[in-house]
Amino acid sequence: MTEDKRGATVYSVVPVPKPRQTQRDRWAKRPIVLRYRAYRDTIEALKIQIPDGGAWIIFIVPMPASWSGKKKERHDGKPHQQRPDLDNYLKGFLDAIRRIDDSRVWDIHPTKLWGHKGQIIIYRDKNK
């Protein structure tokens, strides 16, 4: 966790979307579910907190290693406009930090961008 000059908190965690889980996932351990549970445990260990209102959360999704250097430079910092969807990233994040009740969150601005390494950046609105 680091603070940048603009007051953002940067967590070096690769964001993982919330998978649709079934009863079968209790005994048949699918890789996506195991990856999400490890992510949830990491978020919990970092004790990440967001306010009920007035947070901007940026999910930096890492670019595939198979991409060329030119393609990576073109996409760095640009919108991530493919699957997994932004709402799945947000749901996974909120469920990880608020294991009991995320219904208290009333104002949040999520963004999903490409980056060289996975990160979660949180800006807190000081006015709310």
N, C-alpha and C. Protein backbone atom coordinates (compact mmCIF):
# COMPACT_ATOMS: atom_id res chain seq x y z
N MET A 1 0.85 -1.17 0.00
CA MET A 1 0.00 0.00 0.00
C MET A 1 0.89 1.24 0.00
N THR A 2 0.59 2.16 -0.89
CA THR A 2 1.32 3.42 -0.94
C THR A 2 0.35 4.55 -1.18
N GLU A 3 0.75 5.75 -0.78
CA GLU A 3 -0.04 6.95 -1.04
C GLU A 3 0.66 7.72 -2.15
N ASP A 4 -0.12 8.23 -3.11
CA ASP A 4 0.52 9.04 -4.14
C ASP A 4 0.29 10.52 -3.83
N LYS A 5 0.82 11.40 -4.69
CA LYS A 5 0.75 12.85 -4.44
C LYS A 5 -0.67 13.40 -4.44
N ARG A 6 -1.57 12.73 -5.13
CA ARG A 6 -2.94 13.24 -5.24
C ARG A 6 -3.86 12.71 -4.14
N GLY A 7 -3.31 12.00 -3.18
CA GLY A 7 -4.12 11.49 -2.07
C GLY A 7 -4.75 10.14 -2.33
N ALA A 8 -4.31 9.46 -3.35
CA ALA A 8 -4.85 8.13 -3.64
C ALA A 8 -4.06 7.08 -2.88
N THR A 9 -4.75 6.02 -2.51
CA THR A 9 -4.09 4.87 -1.90
C THR A 9 -3.97 3.80 -2.98
N VAL A 10 -2.75 3.32 -3.20
CA VAL A 10 -2.48 2.34 -4.25
C VAL A 10 -2.14 1.00 -3.61
N TYR A 11 -2.89 -0.02 -3.98
CA TYR A 11 -2.66 -1.38 -3.49
C TYR A 11 -2.16 -2.22 -4.66
N SER A 12 -1.03 -2.89 -4.48
CA SER A 12 -0.46 -3.74 -5.53
C SER A 12 -1.10 -5.13 -5.47
N VAL A 13 -2.35 -5.17 -5.86
CA VAL A 13 -3.13 -6.40 -5.87
C VAL A 13 -3.77 -6.52 -7.25
N VAL A 14 -3.63 -7.67 -7.88
CA VAL A 14 -4.27 -7.89 -9.17
C VAL A 14 -5.77 -8.08 -8.93
N PRO A 15 -6.62 -7.21 -9.50
CA PRO A 15 -8.06 -7.35 -9.28
C PRO A 15 -8.60 -8.65 -9.88
N VAL A 16 -9.55 -9.25 -9.16
CA VAL A 16 -10.18 -10.50 -9.60
C VAL A 16 -11.69 -10.29 -9.58
N PRO A 17 -12.39 -10.59 -10.67
CA PRO A 17 -13.85 -10.43 -10.67
C PRO A 17 -14.53 -11.49 -9.80
N LYS A 18 -15.72 -11.16 -9.33
CA LYS A 18 -16.49 -12.12 -8.53
C LYS A 18 -17.08 -13.16 -9.47
N PRO A 19 -16.76 -14.44 -9.28
CA PRO A 19 -17.35 -15.47 -10.14
C PRO A 19 -18.75 -15.84 -9.67
N ARG A 20 -19.54 -16.36 -10.57
CA ARG A 20 -20.84 -16.91 -10.17
C ARG A 20 -20.56 -18.26 -9.54
N GLN A 21 -20.95 -18.40 -8.28
CA GLN A 21 -20.66 -19.63 -7.55
C GLN A 21 -21.91 -20.47 -7.36
N THR A 22 -21.70 -21.76 -7.28
CA THR A 22 -22.80 -22.71 -7.06
C THR A 22 -22.47 -23.57 -5.84
N GLN A 23 -23.41 -24.39 -5.43
CA GLN A 23 -23.17 -25.30 -4.32
C GLN A 23 -22.02 -26.26 -4.63
N ARG A 24 -21.87 -26.58 -5.89
CA ARG A 24 -20.82 -27.51 -6.32
C ARG A 24 -19.42 -26.97 -6.00
N ASP A 25 -19.29 -25.65 -5.94
CA ASP A 25 -17.98 -25.05 -5.68
C ASP A 25 -17.46 -25.36 -4.28
N ARG A 26 -18.32 -25.87 -3.41
CA ARG A 26 -17.86 -26.25 -2.07
C ARG A 26 -16.94 -27.47 -2.13
N TRP A 27 -17.20 -28.37 -3.06
CA TRP A 27 -16.39 -29.59 -3.13
C TRP A 27 -15.60 -29.70 -4.42
N ALA A 28 -16.06 -29.13 -5.51
CA ALA A 28 -15.33 -29.13 -6.78
C ALA A 28 -14.67 -27.76 -6.92
N LYS A 29 -13.41 -27.68 -6.62
CA LYS A 29 -12.70 -26.40 -6.56
C LYS A 29 -12.30 -25.92 -7.95
N ARG A 30 -13.14 -25.05 -8.53
CA ARG A 30 -12.80 -24.48 -9.83
C ARG A 30 -11.69 -23.44 -9.67
N PRO A 31 -10.78 -23.34 -10.64
CA PRO A 31 -9.66 -22.39 -10.52
C PRO A 31 -10.11 -20.94 -10.32
N ILE A 32 -11.16 -20.50 -11.00
CA ILE A 32 -11.61 -19.11 -10.84
C ILE A 32 -12.10 -18.85 -9.42
N VAL A 33 -12.75 -19.83 -8.82
CA VAL A 33 -13.24 -19.67 -7.45
C VAL A 33 -12.06 -19.65 -6.47
N LEU A 34 -11.08 -20.51 -6.68
CA LEU A 34 -9.90 -20.52 -5.82
C LEU A 34 -9.13 -19.20 -5.94
N ARG A 35 -9.02 -18.68 -7.18
CA ARG A 35 -8.34 -17.41 -7.39
C ARG A 35 -9.08 -16.27 -6.69
N TYR A 36 -10.42 -16.28 -6.77
CA TYR A 36 -11.19 -15.24 -6.09
C TYR A 36 -11.05 -15.34 -4.57
N ARG A 37 -11.07 -16.54 -4.04
CA ARG A 37 -10.94 -16.70 -2.58
C ARG A 37 -9.57 -16.22 -2.09
N ALA A 38 -8.52 -16.48 -2.86
CA ALA A 38 -7.19 -15.99 -2.50
C ALA A 38 -7.15 -14.47 -2.54
N TYR A 39 -7.79 -13.88 -3.56
CA TYR A 39 -7.89 -12.42 -3.69
C TYR A 39 -8.65 -11.85 -2.50
N ARG A 40 -9.77 -12.45 -2.14
CA ARG A 40 -10.58 -12.00 -1.01
C ARG A 40 -9.76 -12.03 0.28
N ASP A 41 -8.99 -13.09 0.48
CA ASP A 41 -8.15 -13.20 1.67
C ASP A 41 -7.07 -12.12 1.69
N THR A 42 -6.50 -11.81 0.52
CA THR A 42 -5.49 -10.76 0.42
C THR A 42 -6.08 -9.40 0.76
N ILE A 43 -7.26 -9.11 0.20
CA ILE A 43 -7.93 -7.84 0.48
C ILE A 43 -8.25 -7.73 1.97
N GLU A 44 -8.71 -8.81 2.55
CA GLU A 44 -9.03 -8.83 3.98
C GLU A 44 -7.77 -8.58 4.81
N ALA A 45 -6.66 -9.20 4.44
CA ALA A 45 -5.41 -9.04 5.18
C ALA A 45 -4.88 -7.61 5.11
N LEU A 46 -5.14 -6.92 4.00
CA LEU A 46 -4.70 -5.53 3.85
C LEU A 46 -5.58 -4.56 4.62
N LYS A 47 -6.73 -5.03 5.10
CA LYS A 47 -7.68 -4.20 5.86
C LYS A 47 -8.07 -2.93 5.09
N ILE A 48 -8.38 -3.11 3.81
CA ILE A 48 -8.79 -2.00 2.97
C ILE A 48 -10.16 -1.51 3.43
N GLN A 49 -10.29 -0.20 3.55
CA GLN A 49 -11.55 0.42 3.94
C GLN A 49 -11.92 1.47 2.90
N ILE A 50 -13.22 1.59 2.64
CA ILE A 50 -13.71 2.68 1.80
C ILE A 50 -14.87 3.33 2.54
N PRO A 51 -15.12 4.61 2.27
CA PRO A 51 -16.26 5.26 2.91
C PRO A 51 -17.57 4.75 2.30
N ASP A 52 -18.68 4.97 3.01
CA ASP A 52 -19.98 4.57 2.49
C ASP A 52 -20.34 5.38 1.24
N GLY A 53 -19.83 6.59 1.15
CA GLY A 53 -20.10 7.43 -0.02
C GLY A 53 -18.87 8.23 -0.39
N GLY A 54 -18.68 8.43 -1.68
CA GLY A 54 -17.61 9.30 -2.15
C GLY A 54 -16.28 8.63 -2.38
N ALA A 55 -16.26 7.46 -3.01
CA ALA A 55 -14.99 6.80 -3.32
C ALA A 55 -14.89 6.57 -4.83
N TRP A 56 -13.69 6.75 -5.34
CA TRP A 56 -13.41 6.43 -6.74
C TRP A 56 -12.42 5.27 -6.70
N ILE A 57 -12.83 4.14 -7.26
CA ILE A 57 -12.01 2.93 -7.25
C ILE A 57 -11.58 2.62 -8.67
N ILE A 58 -10.28 2.55 -8.89
CA ILE A 58 -9.74 2.26 -10.21
C ILE A 58 -9.12 0.87 -10.17
N PHE A 59 -9.61 -0.01 -11.02
CA PHE A 59 -9.06 -1.35 -11.15
C PHE A 59 -8.10 -1.35 -12.33
N ILE A 60 -6.83 -1.56 -12.07
CA ILE A 60 -5.83 -1.64 -13.14
C ILE A 60 -5.65 -3.12 -13.47
N VAL A 61 -6.09 -3.51 -14.66
CA VAL A 61 -6.05 -4.90 -15.10
C VAL A 61 -4.74 -5.12 -15.87
N PRO A 62 -3.93 -6.11 -15.48
CA PRO A 62 -2.65 -6.32 -16.16
C PRO A 62 -2.84 -6.82 -17.59
N MET A 63 -1.98 -6.32 -18.47
CA MET A 63 -2.02 -6.75 -19.86
C MET A 63 -1.41 -8.14 -20.00
N PRO A 64 -1.91 -8.94 -20.93
CA PRO A 64 -1.36 -10.29 -21.12
C PRO A 64 0.11 -10.25 -21.52
N ALA A 65 0.87 -11.21 -21.02
CA ALA A 65 2.29 -11.30 -21.35
C ALA A 65 2.50 -11.57 -22.84
N SER A 66 1.50 -12.15 -23.50
CA SER A 66 1.63 -12.50 -24.92
C SER A 66 1.55 -11.27 -25.84
N TRP A 67 1.11 -10.12 -25.32
CA TRP A 67 1.02 -8.93 -26.14
C TRP A 67 2.41 -8.40 -26.47
N SER A 68 2.53 -7.79 -27.65
CA SER A 68 3.80 -7.18 -28.05
C SER A 68 4.03 -5.90 -27.24
N GLY A 69 5.26 -5.44 -27.23
CA GLY A 69 5.59 -4.21 -26.52
C GLY A 69 4.82 -3.01 -27.06
N LYS A 70 4.66 -2.95 -28.39
CA LYS A 70 3.91 -1.85 -29.00
C LYS A 70 2.46 -1.86 -28.56
N LYS A 71 1.85 -3.03 -28.55
CA LYS A 71 0.45 -3.14 -28.15
C LYS A 71 0.28 -2.76 -26.68
N LYS A 72 1.23 -3.16 -25.85
CA LYS A 72 1.17 -2.80 -24.43
C LYS A 72 1.25 -1.29 -24.24
N GLU A 73 2.14 -0.64 -24.98
CA GLU A 73 2.27 0.82 -24.88
C GLU A 73 1.01 1.53 -25.35
N ARG A 74 0.37 1.00 -26.40
CA ARG A 74 -0.87 1.60 -26.90
C ARG A 74 -2.00 1.51 -25.89
N HIS A 75 -2.06 0.41 -25.13
CA HIS A 75 -3.18 0.17 -24.22
C HIS A 75 -2.94 0.65 -22.79
N ASP A 76 -1.71 0.98 -22.43
CA ASP A 76 -1.40 1.37 -21.05
C ASP A 76 -2.21 2.60 -20.63
N GLY A 77 -3.00 2.45 -19.58
CA GLY A 77 -3.82 3.55 -19.06
C GLY A 77 -5.12 3.77 -19.81
N LYS A 78 -5.38 2.99 -20.82
CA LYS A 78 -6.62 3.13 -21.61
C LYS A 78 -7.74 2.29 -20.99
N PRO A 79 -9.00 2.61 -21.32
CA PRO A 79 -10.13 1.85 -20.77
C PRO A 79 -10.08 0.37 -21.15
N HIS A 80 -10.38 -0.47 -20.21
CA HIS A 80 -10.47 -1.93 -20.41
C HIS A 80 -11.93 -2.20 -20.78
N GLN A 81 -12.19 -2.45 -22.06
CA GLN A 81 -13.57 -2.57 -22.55
C GLN A 81 -13.89 -3.98 -23.02
N GLN A 82 -13.55 -4.95 -22.23
CA GLN A 82 -13.88 -6.33 -22.55
C GLN A 82 -14.16 -7.07 -21.26
N ARG A 83 -14.45 -8.35 -21.37
CA ARG A 83 -14.74 -9.13 -20.18
C ARG A 83 -13.46 -9.39 -19.40
N PRO A 84 -13.56 -9.54 -18.11
CA PRO A 84 -14.73 -9.50 -17.25
C PRO A 84 -15.25 -8.08 -17.07
N ASP A 85 -16.55 -7.99 -16.80
CA ASP A 85 -17.23 -6.71 -16.69
C ASP A 85 -16.83 -5.95 -15.43
N LEU A 86 -16.97 -4.64 -15.50
CA LEU A 86 -16.65 -3.77 -14.37
C LEU A 86 -17.47 -4.12 -13.13
N ASP A 87 -18.75 -4.44 -13.32
CA ASP A 87 -19.59 -4.73 -12.16
C ASP A 87 -19.12 -5.99 -11.43
N ASN A 88 -18.52 -6.95 -12.14
CA ASN A 88 -17.99 -8.14 -11.48
C ASN A 88 -16.75 -7.82 -10.65
N TYR A 89 -15.90 -6.91 -11.15
CA TYR A 89 -14.75 -6.47 -10.37
C TYR A 89 -15.21 -5.74 -9.11
N LEU A 90 -16.19 -4.84 -9.28
CA LEU A 90 -16.68 -4.07 -8.14
C LEU A 90 -17.35 -4.97 -7.10
N LYS A 91 -18.18 -5.89 -7.56
CA LYS A 91 -18.86 -6.81 -6.64
C LYS A 91 -17.84 -7.66 -5.88
N GLY A 92 -16.84 -8.17 -6.56
CA GLY A 92 -15.81 -8.95 -5.90
C GLY A 92 -15.05 -8.14 -4.86
N PHE A 93 -14.76 -6.89 -5.18
CA PHE A 93 -14.03 -6.02 -4.26
C PHE A 93 -14.88 -5.68 -3.04
N LEU A 94 -16.12 -5.27 -3.27
CA LEU A 94 -17.00 -4.91 -2.15
C LEU A 94 -17.28 -6.10 -1.25
N ASP A 95 -17.49 -7.26 -1.83
CA ASP A 95 -17.72 -8.45 -1.02
C ASP A 95 -16.48 -8.82 -0.20
N ALA A 96 -15.31 -8.53 -0.73
CA ALA A 96 -14.07 -8.85 -0.02
C ALA A 96 -13.84 -7.90 1.16
N ILE A 97 -14.14 -6.61 0.99
CA ILE A 97 -13.88 -5.67 2.09
C ILE A 97 -15.03 -5.57 3.07
N ARG A 98 -16.22 -5.89 2.63
CA ARG A 98 -17.39 -5.81 3.51
C ARG A 98 -18.08 -7.16 3.50
N ARG A 99 -17.47 -8.12 4.14
CA ARG A 99 -17.96 -9.50 4.11
C ARG A 99 -19.39 -9.60 4.64
N ILE A 100 -19.79 -8.70 5.52
CA ILE A 100 -21.11 -8.82 6.13
C ILE A 100 -22.16 -8.06 5.33
N ASP A 101 -21.93 -6.76 5.05
CA ASP A 101 -22.98 -5.95 4.46
C ASP A 101 -22.40 -4.84 3.59
N ASP A 102 -22.54 -4.98 2.27
CA ASP A 102 -22.09 -3.91 1.38
C ASP A 102 -23.25 -3.03 0.94
N SER A 103 -24.43 -3.21 1.53
CA SER A 103 -25.58 -2.39 1.15
C SER A 103 -25.45 -0.96 1.66
N ARG A 104 -24.52 -0.70 2.57
CA ARG A 104 -24.34 0.65 3.11
C ARG A 104 -23.64 1.58 2.12
N VAL A 105 -22.99 1.03 1.12
CA VAL A 105 -22.30 1.85 0.12
C VAL A 105 -23.35 2.47 -0.79
N TRP A 106 -23.38 3.81 -0.81
CA TRP A 106 -24.41 4.51 -1.59
C TRP A 106 -23.83 5.35 -2.73
N ASP A 107 -22.53 5.63 -2.71
CA ASP A 107 -21.94 6.46 -3.77
C ASP A 107 -20.53 5.96 -4.03
N ILE A 108 -20.33 5.44 -5.24
CA ILE A 108 -19.02 4.91 -5.59
C ILE A 108 -18.83 5.09 -7.10
N HIS A 109 -17.60 5.35 -7.50
CA HIS A 109 -17.29 5.54 -8.92
C HIS A 109 -16.21 4.53 -9.32
N PRO A 110 -16.58 3.44 -9.97
CA PRO A 110 -15.58 2.46 -10.39
C PRO A 110 -15.07 2.73 -11.81
N THR A 111 -13.81 2.42 -12.04
CA THR A 111 -13.18 2.56 -13.35
C THR A 111 -12.29 1.34 -13.58
N LYS A 112 -12.20 0.90 -14.84
CA LYS A 112 -11.39 -0.28 -15.18
C LYS A 112 -10.45 0.11 -16.32
N LEU A 113 -9.14 0.04 -16.06
CA LEU A 113 -8.14 0.45 -17.04
C LEU A 113 -7.10 -0.65 -17.24
N TRP A 114 -6.41 -0.59 -18.39
CA TRP A 114 -5.28 -1.48 -18.64
C TRP A 114 -4.04 -0.93 -17.96
N GLY A 115 -3.13 -1.81 -17.55
CA GLY A 115 -1.87 -1.38 -16.96
C GLY A 115 -0.83 -2.48 -17.09
N HIS A 116 0.42 -2.13 -16.80
CA HIS A 116 1.50 -3.12 -16.87
C HIS A 116 1.44 -4.12 -15.73
N LYS A 117 0.95 -3.67 -14.57
CA LYS A 117 0.78 -4.59 -13.44
C LYS A 117 -0.56 -4.31 -12.77
N GLY A 118 -1.11 -5.32 -12.16
CA GLY A 118 -2.41 -5.19 -11.52
C GLY A 118 -2.34 -4.34 -10.26
N GLN A 119 -3.32 -3.44 -10.12
CA GLN A 119 -3.40 -2.57 -8.95
C GLN A 119 -4.85 -2.21 -8.68
N ILE A 120 -5.09 -1.78 -7.45
CA ILE A 120 -6.36 -1.17 -7.09
C ILE A 120 -6.01 0.18 -6.48
N ILE A 121 -6.58 1.25 -7.05
CA ILE A 121 -6.30 2.61 -6.59
C ILE A 121 -7.60 3.19 -6.04
N ILE A 122 -7.53 3.76 -4.84
CA ILE A 122 -8.73 4.30 -4.20
C ILE A 122 -8.52 5.77 -3.88
N TYR A 123 -9.42 6.61 -4.40
CA TYR A 123 -9.48 8.02 -4.04
C TYR A 123 -10.68 8.20 -3.13
N ARG A 124 -10.49 8.89 -2.04
CA ARG A 124 -11.59 9.17 -1.12
C ARG A 124 -11.98 10.63 -1.27
N ASP A 125 -13.28 10.91 -1.45
CA ASP A 125 -13.77 12.27 -1.55
C ASP A 125 -13.81 12.87 -0.16
N LYS A 126 -13.03 13.91 0.06
CA LYS A 126 -12.95 14.53 1.38
C LYS A 126 -14.22 15.31 1.74
N ASN A 127 -15.07 15.62 0.74
CA ASN A 127 -16.27 16.41 0.99
C ASN A 127 -17.46 15.58 1.45
N LYS A 128 -17.36 14.26 1.41
CA LYS A 128 -18.51 13.42 1.77
C LYS A 128 -18.28 12.68 3.04
